């Protein structure tokens, strides 16, 4: 599961907030595959991403940041569960 937040203080226009949220959602959708396949049986991951930039990003910027997020999540997911 994933959630996305774009603060009104960072993007005053709702059109901009919705665009950033759509970019985040699309970047997550296209890059979540490795996390889903690496997930051990009986475990799940919940992710909530918050946009912290003040400039309107393009998809390449969001995709690059999402790649970094996925790499970090993969290291967490592949750790053995605590008993």
Protein backbone atom coordinates (compact mmCIF):
# COMPACT_ATOMS: atom_id res chain seq x y z
CA UNK A 1 0.00 0.00 0.00
CA UNK A 2 1.16 3.49 -0.70
CA UNK A 3 -0.03 6.95 0.23
CA UNK A 4 1.03 10.32 -1.11
CA UNK A 5 0.92 13.82 0.36
CA UNK A 6 1.63 17.15 -1.26
CA UNK A 7 1.42 20.00 1.27
CA UNK A 8 -0.56 23.11 0.48
CA UNK A 9 2.24 25.23 1.96
CA UNK A 10 4.60 23.96 -0.76
CA UNK A 11 2.15 24.10 -3.69
CA UNK A 12 -0.57 26.71 -3.31
CA UNK A 13 -2.49 25.81 -6.48
CA UNK A 14 -4.52 22.61 -6.27
CA UNK A 15 -3.68 21.88 -9.91
CA UNK A 16 0.01 21.74 -8.98
CA UNK A 17 -0.66 19.58 -5.90
CA UNK A 18 -2.67 17.10 -7.94
CA UNK A 19 -0.02 16.98 -10.66
CA UNK A 20 2.74 16.20 -8.17
CA UNK A 21 0.56 13.54 -6.52
CA UNK A 22 -0.13 11.95 -9.91
CA UNK A 23 3.58 11.96 -10.73
CA UNK A 24 4.37 10.30 -7.39
CA UNK A 25 1.67 7.69 -7.88
CA UNK A 26 2.79 6.86 -11.42
CA UNK A 27 6.45 6.62 -10.42
CA UNK A 28 5.52 4.29 -7.56
CA UNK A 29 3.26 2.17 -9.77
CA UNK A 30 5.95 1.63 -12.38
CA UNK A 31 8.73 0.88 -9.88
CA UNK A 32 7.11 -1.14 -7.09
CA UNK A 33 7.58 -4.50 -8.88
CA UNK A 34 10.98 -5.42 -7.35
CA UNK A 35 9.67 -4.73 -3.86
CA UNK A 36 6.57 -6.87 -4.39
CA UNK A 37 8.60 -9.80 -5.74
CA UNK A 38 11.22 -9.55 -2.97
CA UNK A 39 8.61 -9.44 -0.22
CA UNK A 40 8.84 -12.56 1.99
CA UNK A 41 5.69 -14.58 2.60
CA UNK A 42 3.59 -13.14 5.40
CA UNK A 43 5.12 -9.66 5.29
CA UNK A 44 3.76 -6.46 3.83
CA UNK A 45 4.97 -2.92 3.39
CA UNK A 46 3.07 0.33 3.80
CA UNK A 47 4.66 3.44 2.30
CA UNK A 48 3.64 7.07 2.72
CA UNK A 49 5.54 9.57 0.58
CA UNK A 50 5.52 13.31 1.17
CA UNK A 51 6.63 15.84 -1.44
CA UNK A 52 9.08 18.27 0.17
CA UNK A 53 10.26 20.29 -2.81
CA UNK A 54 8.92 23.75 -3.55
CA UNK A 55 9.53 23.57 -7.31
CA UNK A 56 7.19 21.73 -9.65
CA UNK A 57 9.14 18.58 -10.62
CA UNK A 58 8.99 16.73 -13.92
CA UNK A 59 8.57 12.97 -14.20
CA UNK A 60 12.31 12.33 -14.65
CA UNK A 61 13.06 13.99 -11.29
CA UNK A 62 10.29 12.10 -9.51
CA UNK A 63 11.31 8.81 -11.13
CA UNK A 64 14.93 9.27 -10.06
CA UNK A 65 13.91 9.97 -6.48
CA UNK A 66 11.54 6.99 -6.55
CA UNK A 67 14.39 4.74 -7.72
CA UNK A 68 16.32 5.76 -4.60
CA UNK A 69 13.29 5.04 -2.40
CA UNK A 70 12.84 1.61 -3.97
CA UNK A 71 16.53 0.75 -3.41
CA UNK A 72 16.27 1.68 0.28
CA UNK A 73 13.03 -0.25 0.68
CA UNK A 74 14.58 -3.31 -0.94
CA UNK A 75 17.34 -3.36 1.68
CA UNK A 76 14.72 -3.17 4.41
CA UNK A 77 12.45 -5.80 2.87
CA UNK A 78 15.28 -8.29 2.34
CA UNK A 79 16.35 -8.20 5.99
CA UNK A 80 15.17 -11.21 8.00
CA UNK A 81 12.10 -10.67 10.16
CA UNK A 82 12.71 -10.29 13.88
CA UNK A 83 11.58 -13.29 15.86
